[in-house]
Amino acid sequence: MSLAALAVVSRQGAPLYLRDYSKNSNLIFSLDGQVGDGDADLFGDDIIPEMTREQNDEWPCQLKYQFILHSACQQFDDILRGNRWKAPGATGMDACWVGFLCSLDNLRAYGYVTTNARYVALLEDAMDLQSRESRETELCVLMSSVHRFYTESLLNPFSSPHSKITSKRFDWSTSGLVTTFNGMG
């Protein structure tokens, strides 16, 4: 169960950071759950067009992950609106952990919310429940660290609180965490 994509979204719903960590995954959107030939439907038509260089420079996240992250954010909004996520008596990072949001294709979306942003992670689905639960605990710690990196990036006097995260340190630190997380699975 590895982390495929990560998004940091403002409280207003604007994307601040989108990144995928599974560049060559052909698993999603396959109709039978098998590894397919790219992103094609039964008739061989492309389902999702390739990204242009400019689009990739703007958000280094494949369009298929962006679509799934957008759907997960919609579910996230519904959960937060209904206050259905708060664990009584939770403190620290557990108070921010929303947990499982939804399952789309072969990915599971998880959420973490703070006063300044929402964090959504897409994980490749694991079959056995025990490994899934242990990875969710590790993911909560990872999301807490990403929140800390985001807060540190906001301390830069040249950064704007509601704009795209352009900090190379944030990207490097987050990528290192994800690489370690994916190596443990």
C-alpha atoms as a PDB file:
ATOM      1  CA  MET A   1       0.000   0.000   0.000  1.00  0.00           C
ATOM      2  CA  SER A   2       2.018   2.941  -1.276  1.00  0.00           C
ATOM      3  CA  LEU A   3       1.208   6.608  -1.512  1.00  0.00           C
ATOM      4  CA  ALA A   4       0.349   7.480  -5.114  1.00  0.00           C
ATOM      5  CA  ALA A   5      -0.538  11.197  -4.866  1.00  0.00           C
ATOM      6  CA  LEU A   6      -0.772  14.016  -2.338  1.00  0.00           C
ATOM      7  CA  ALA A   7      -2.697  17.285  -2.345  1.00  0.00           C
ATOM      8  CA  VAL A   8      -2.723  20.280  -0.040  1.00  0.00           C
ATOM      9  CA  VAL A   9      -5.879  22.329  -0.513  1.00  0.00           C
ATOM     10  CA  SER A  10      -6.832  25.641   1.076  1.00  0.00           C
ATOM     11  CA  ARG A  11      -9.914  25.841   3.286  1.00  0.00           C
ATOM     12  CA  GLN A  12     -11.617  27.588   0.363  1.00  0.00           C
ATOM     13  CA  GLY A  13     -10.878  24.646  -1.948  1.00  0.00           C
ATOM     14  CA  ALA A  14      -8.002  26.082  -4.000  1.00  0.00           C
ATOM     15  CA  PRO A  15      -5.140  23.670  -4.689  1.00  0.00           C
ATOM     16  CA  LEU A  16      -1.907  24.688  -3.001  1.00  0.00           C
ATOM     17  CA  TYR A  17       0.169  21.592  -3.782  1.00  0.00           C
ATOM     18  CA  LEU A  18      -0.471  18.609  -6.053  1.00  0.00           C
ATOM     19  CA  ARG A  19       2.081  15.888  -6.613  1.00  0.00           C
ATOM     20  CA  ASP A  20       2.000  12.280  -7.692  1.00  0.00           C
ATOM     21  CA  TYR A  21       4.571   9.721  -6.630  1.00  0.00           C
ATOM     22  CA  SER A  22       3.628   6.922  -8.999  1.00  0.00           C
ATOM     23  CA  LYS A  23       4.760   8.092 -12.428  1.00  0.00           C
ATOM     24  CA  ASN A  24       4.283   4.855 -14.347  1.00  0.00           C
ATOM     25  CA  SER A  25       1.210   3.382 -12.714  1.00  0.00           C
ATOM     26  CA  ASN A  26      -1.211   1.962 -15.270  1.00  0.00           C
ATOM     27  CA  LEU A  27      -3.465   0.406 -12.677  1.00  0.00           C
ATOM     28  CA  ILE A  28      -6.175   3.007 -12.346  1.00  0.00           C
ATOM     29  CA  PHE A  29      -9.075   3.124 -14.748  1.00  0.00           C
ATOM     30  CA  SER A  30      -8.519  -0.468 -15.859  1.00  0.00           C
ATOM     31  CA  LEU A  31     -11.905  -2.073 -16.219  1.00  0.00           C
ATOM     32  CA  ASP A  32     -11.013  -5.538 -14.991  1.00  0.00           C
ATOM     33  CA  GLY A  33      -8.463  -4.657 -12.313  1.00  0.00           C
ATOM     34  CA  GLN A  34      -5.600  -5.906 -14.476  1.00  0.00           C
ATOM     35  CA  VAL A  35      -2.612  -3.863 -15.512  1.00  0.00           C
ATOM     36  CA  GLY A  36      -3.658  -2.378 -18.824  1.00  0.00           C
ATOM     37  CA  ASP A  37      -2.088  -0.644 -21.794  1.00  0.00           C
ATOM     38  CA  GLY A  38      -2.134   2.881 -20.450  1.00  0.00           C
ATOM     39  CA  ASP A  39      -5.294   4.873 -20.133  1.00  0.00           C
ATOM     40  CA  ALA A  40      -7.552   3.372 -22.814  1.00  0.00           C
ATOM     41  CA  ASP A  41     -11.106   2.150 -22.621  1.00  0.00           C
ATOM     42  CA  LEU A  42     -12.485  -1.041 -24.251  1.00  0.00           C
ATOM     43  CA  PHE A  43     -12.539   0.613 -27.681  1.00  0.00           C
ATOM     44  CA  GLY A  44      -8.939   1.809 -27.497  1.00  0.00           C
ATOM     45  CA  ASP A  45      -9.873   5.467 -27.082  1.00  0.00           C
ATOM     46  CA  ASP A  46      -7.818   7.571 -24.715  1.00  0.00           C
ATOM     47  CA  ILE A  47      -9.745   8.265 -21.539  1.00  0.00           C
ATOM     48  CA  ILE A  48      -7.469  10.958 -20.220  1.00  0.00           C
ATOM     49  CA  PRO A  49      -5.331  13.086 -22.530  1.00  0.00           C
ATOM     50  CA  GLU A  50      -1.631  13.531 -21.909  1.00  0.00           C
ATOM     51  CA  MET A  51      -0.560  16.601 -20.000  1.00  0.00           C
ATOM     52  CA  THR A  52       1.314  19.345 -21.775  1.00  0.00           C
ATOM     53  CA  ARG A  53       4.727  20.417 -20.512  1.00  0.00           C
ATOM     54  CA  GLU A  54       3.214  23.645 -19.153  1.00  0.00           C
ATOM     55  CA  GLN A  55       0.524  21.738 -17.252  1.00  0.00           C
ATOM     56  CA  ASN A  56       3.112  19.384 -15.798  1.00  0.00           C
ATOM     57  CA  ASP A  57       5.289  22.317 -14.734  1.00  0.00           C
ATOM     58  CA  GLU A  58       2.279  23.971 -13.052  1.00  0.00           C
ATOM     59  CA  TRP A  59       1.136  20.851 -11.163  1.00  0.00           C
ATOM     60  CA  PRO A  60       3.414  17.770 -11.312  1.00  0.00           C
ATOM     61  CA  CYS A  61       0.466  15.421 -10.882  1.00  0.00           C
ATOM     62  CA  GLN A  62      -1.068  13.263 -13.603  1.00  0.00           C
ATOM     63  CA  LEU A  63      -4.565  14.298 -14.660  1.00  0.00           C
ATOM     64  CA  LYS A  64      -6.039  10.951 -13.580  1.00  0.00           C
ATOM     65  CA  TYR A  65      -4.841  11.605 -10.022  1.00  0.00           C
ATOM     66  CA  GLN A  66      -6.089  15.188 -10.169  1.00  0.00           C
ATOM     67  CA  PHE A  67      -9.569  13.925 -11.048  1.00  0.00           C
ATOM     68  CA  ILE A  68      -9.551  11.442  -8.179  1.00  0.00           C
ATOM     69  CA  LEU A  69      -8.170  14.038  -5.730  1.00  0.00           C
ATOM     70  CA  HIS A  70     -10.948  16.428  -6.788  1.00  0.00           C
ATOM     71  CA  SER A  71     -13.581  13.758  -6.120  1.00  0.00           C
ATOM     72  CA  ALA A  72     -11.993  12.986  -2.747  1.00  0.00           C
ATOM     73  CA  CYS A  73     -12.065  16.700  -1.862  1.00  0.00           C
ATOM     74  CA  GLN A  74     -15.807  16.769  -2.581  1.00  0.00           C
ATOM     75  CA  GLN A  75     -16.288  13.856  -0.175  1.00  0.00           C
ATOM     76  CA  PHE A  76     -13.982  15.618   2.311  1.00  0.00           C
ATOM     77  CA  ASP A  77     -16.236  18.707   2.213  1.00  0.00           C
ATOM     78  CA  ASP A  78     -19.306  16.569   2.908  1.00  0.00           C
ATOM     79  CA  ILE A  79     -17.644  14.880   5.881  1.00  0.00           C
ATOM     80  CA  LEU A  80     -16.442  18.173   7.354  1.00  0.00           C
ATOM     81  CA  ARG A  81     -19.798  19.854   6.817  1.00  0.00           C
ATOM     82  CA  GLY A  82     -21.530  17.139   8.818  1.00  0.00           C
ATOM     83  CA  ASN A  83     -18.880  17.066  11.591  1.00  0.00           C
ATOM     84  CA  ARG A  84     -18.833  13.278  11.151  1.00  0.00           C
ATOM     85  CA  TRP A  85     -15.109  12.916  11.635  1.00  0.00           C
ATOM     86  CA  LYS A  86     -14.313  14.224  15.087  1.00  0.00           C
ATOM     87  CA  ALA A  87     -13.244  11.620  17.576  1.00  0.00           C
ATOM     88  CA  PRO A  88     -14.342  12.562  21.115  1.00  0.00           C
ATOM     89  CA  GLY A  89     -11.380  13.476  23.282  1.00  0.00           C
ATOM     90  CA  ALA A  90      -8.829  13.299  20.455  1.00  0.00           C
ATOM     91  CA  THR A  91      -5.787  15.534  20.847  1.00  0.00           C
ATOM     92  CA  GLY A  92      -2.704  16.350  18.800  1.00  0.00           C
ATOM     93  CA  MET A  93      -2.475  14.898  15.326  1.00  0.00           C
ATOM     94  CA  ASP A  94      -5.366  12.520  16.060  1.00  0.00           C
ATOM     95  CA  ALA A  95      -7.661  15.537  16.423  1.00  0.00           C
ATOM     96  CA  CYS A  96      -6.824  16.529  12.826  1.00  0.00           C
ATOM     97  CA  TRP A  97      -6.992  13.039  11.337  1.00  0.00           C
ATOM     98  CA  VAL A  98     -10.180  12.576   9.348  1.00  0.00           C
ATOM     99  CA  GLY A  99      -9.123   9.203   7.999  1.00  0.00           C
ATOM    100  CA  PHE A 100     -10.706   7.291   5.152  1.00  0.00           C
ATOM    101  CA  LEU A 101     -12.641   9.505   2.729  1.00  0.00           C
ATOM    102  CA  CYS A 102     -13.546   7.251  -0.166  1.00  0.00           C
ATOM    103  CA  SER A 103     -12.358   4.497  -2.445  1.00  0.00           C
ATOM    104  CA  LEU A 104     -12.017   5.211  -6.137  1.00  0.00           C
ATOM    105  CA  ASP A 105     -10.842   2.565  -8.586  1.00  0.00           C
ATOM    106  CA  ASN A 106      -7.892   0.879  -6.881  1.00  0.00           C
ATOM    107  CA  LEU A 107      -7.057   3.880  -4.673  1.00  0.00           C
ATOM    108  CA  ARG A 108      -8.162   4.863  -1.196  1.00  0.00           C
ATOM    109  CA  ALA A 109      -8.324   8.559  -0.265  1.00  0.00           C
ATOM    110  CA  TYR A 110      -7.494   9.751   3.259  1.00  0.00           C
ATOM    111  CA  GLY A 111      -7.840  13.192   4.795  1.00  0.00           C
ATOM    112  CA  TYR A 112      -6.228  15.381   7.416  1.00  0.00           C
ATOM    113  CA  VAL A 113      -7.579  18.836   8.286  1.00  0.00           C
ATOM    114  CA  THR A 114      -6.069  21.837  10.081  1.00  0.00           C
ATOM    115  CA  THR A 115      -7.094  25.436  10.554  1.00  0.00           C
ATOM    116  CA  ASN A 116      -5.254  26.576   7.433  1.00  0.00           C
ATOM    117  CA  ALA A 117      -5.449  23.648   4.985  1.00  0.00           C
ATOM    118  CA  ARG A 118      -6.765  20.228   4.085  1.00  0.00           C
ATOM    119  CA  TYR A 119      -4.477  17.363   3.137  1.00  0.00           C
ATOM    120  CA  VAL A 120      -5.583  14.500   0.904  1.00  0.00           C
ATOM    121  CA  ALA A 121      -3.499  11.406   0.177  1.00  0.00           C
ATOM    122  CA  LEU A 122      -4.224   8.664  -2.333  1.00  0.00           C
ATOM    123  CA  LEU A 123      -2.952   5.227  -1.417  1.00  0.00           C
ATOM    124  CA  GLU A 124      -2.959   2.144  -3.564  1.00  0.00           C
ATOM    125  CA  ASP A 125      -5.462  -0.236  -2.023  1.00  0.00           C
ATOM    126  CA  ALA A 126      -4.211  -3.115   0.138  1.00  0.00           C
ATOM    127  CA  MET A 127      -6.266  -6.235   0.455  1.00  0.00           C
ATOM    128  CA  ASP A 128      -5.636  -7.321   4.033  1.00  0.00           C
ATOM    129  CA  LEU A 129      -7.170  -5.265   6.810  1.00  0.00           C
ATOM    130  CA  GLN A 130      -4.280  -5.575   9.274  1.00  0.00           C
ATOM    131  CA  SER A 131      -1.674  -4.052   6.945  1.00  0.00           C
ATOM    132  CA  ARG A 132      -4.167  -1.362   5.919  1.00  0.00           C
ATOM    133  CA  GLU A 133      -4.716  -0.286   9.545  1.00  0.00           C
ATOM    134  CA  SER A 134      -0.977  -0.113  10.305  1.00  0.00           C
ATOM    135  CA  ARG A 135      -0.367   1.923   7.147  1.00  0.00           C
ATOM    136  CA  GLU A 136      -3.184   4.313   8.118  1.00  0.00           C
ATOM    137  CA  THR A 137      -1.394   5.005  11.413  1.00  0.00           C
ATOM    138  CA  GLU A 138       1.854   5.685   9.540  1.00  0.00           C
ATOM    139  CA  LEU A 139      -0.061   7.893   7.093  1.00  0.00           C
ATOM    140  CA  CYS A 140      -1.460   9.979   9.956  1.00  0.00           C
ATOM    141  CA  VAL A 141       2.109  10.652  11.125  1.00  0.00           C
ATOM    142  CA  LEU A 142       3.170  11.481   7.555  1.00  0.00           C
ATOM    143  CA  MET A 143       0.282  13.948   7.131  1.00  0.00           C
ATOM    144  CA  SER A 144       1.152  15.577  10.442  1.00  0.00           C
ATOM    145  CA  SER A 145       4.707  16.064   9.189  1.00  0.00           C
ATOM    146  CA  VAL A 146       3.494  17.506   5.875  1.00  0.00           C
ATOM    147  CA  HIS A 147       1.389  19.959   7.895  1.00  0.00           C
ATOM    148  CA  ARG A 148       4.478  20.929   9.878  1.00  0.00           C
ATOM    149  CA  PHE A 149       6.435  21.482   6.627  1.00  0.00           C
ATOM    150  CA  TYR A 150       3.596  23.639   5.291  1.00  0.00           C
ATOM    151  CA  THR A 151       3.519  25.706   8.480  1.00  0.00           C
ATOM    152  CA  GLU A 152       7.296  26.173   8.256  1.00  0.00           C
ATOM    153  CA  SER A 153       6.966  27.307   4.635  1.00  0.00           C
ATOM    154  CA  LEU A 154       4.402  29.905   5.724  1.00  0.00           C
ATOM    155  CA  LEU A 155       6.979  31.383   8.099  1.00  0.00           C
ATOM    156  CA  ASN A 156       8.910  32.595   5.061  1.00  0.00           C
ATOM    157  CA  PRO A 157       8.081  36.324   4.802  1.00  0.00           C
ATOM    158  CA  PHE A 158       7.941  36.038   0.995  1.00  0.00           C
ATOM    159  CA  SER A 159       5.274  33.331   0.941  1.00  0.00           C
ATOM    160  CA  SER A 160       1.568  34.031   0.727  1.00  0.00           C
ATOM    161  CA  PRO A 161      -0.802  31.965   2.913  1.00  0.00           C
ATOM    162  CA  HIS A 162      -3.370  31.238   0.180  1.00  0.00           C
ATOM    163  CA  SER A 163      -1.136  30.743  -2.845  1.00  0.00           C
ATOM    164  CA  LYS A 164       0.552  27.766  -4.465  1.00  0.00           C
ATOM    165  CA  ILE A 165       3.312  26.202  -2.367  1.00  0.00           C
ATOM    166  CA  THR A 166       6.510  26.898  -4.297  1.00  0.00           C
ATOM    167  CA  SER A 167       8.997  26.131  -1.537  1.00  0.00           C
ATOM    168  CA  LYS A 168      11.647  23.712  -2.775  1.00  0.00           C
ATOM    169  CA  ARG A 169      12.344  22.776   0.835  1.00  0.00           C
ATOM    170  CA  PHE A 170       8.679  21.802   1.332  1.00  0.00           C
ATOM    171  CA  ASP A 171       8.715  19.713  -1.857  1.00  0.00           C
ATOM    172  CA  TRP A 172      12.036  18.063  -1.041  1.00  0.00           C
ATOM    173  CA  SER A 173      11.017  17.277   2.568  1.00  0.00           C
ATOM    174  CA  THR A 174       7.606  15.929   1.544  1.00  0.00           C
ATOM    175  CA  SER A 175       9.090  13.813  -1.250  1.00  0.00           C
ATOM    176  CA  GLY A 176      11.602  12.354   1.205  1.00  0.00           C
ATOM    177  CA  LEU A 177       8.828  11.423   3.625  1.00  0.00           C
ATOM    178  CA  VAL A 178       6.790   9.790   0.871  1.00  0.00           C
ATOM    179  CA  THR A 179       9.814   7.858  -0.411  1.00  0.00           C
ATOM    180  CA  THR A 180      10.420   6.528   3.105  1.00  0.00           C
ATOM    181  CA  PHE A 181       6.709   5.738   3.547  1.00  0.00           C
ATOM    182  CA  ASN A 182       6.553   3.875   0.216  1.00  0.00           C
ATOM    183  CA  GLY A 183       9.736   1.966   1.045  1.00  0.00           C
ATOM    184  CA  MET A 184       8.184   0.590   4.250  1.00  0.00           C
ATOM    185  CA  GLY A 185       5.203  -0.986   2.477  1.00  0.00           C
END
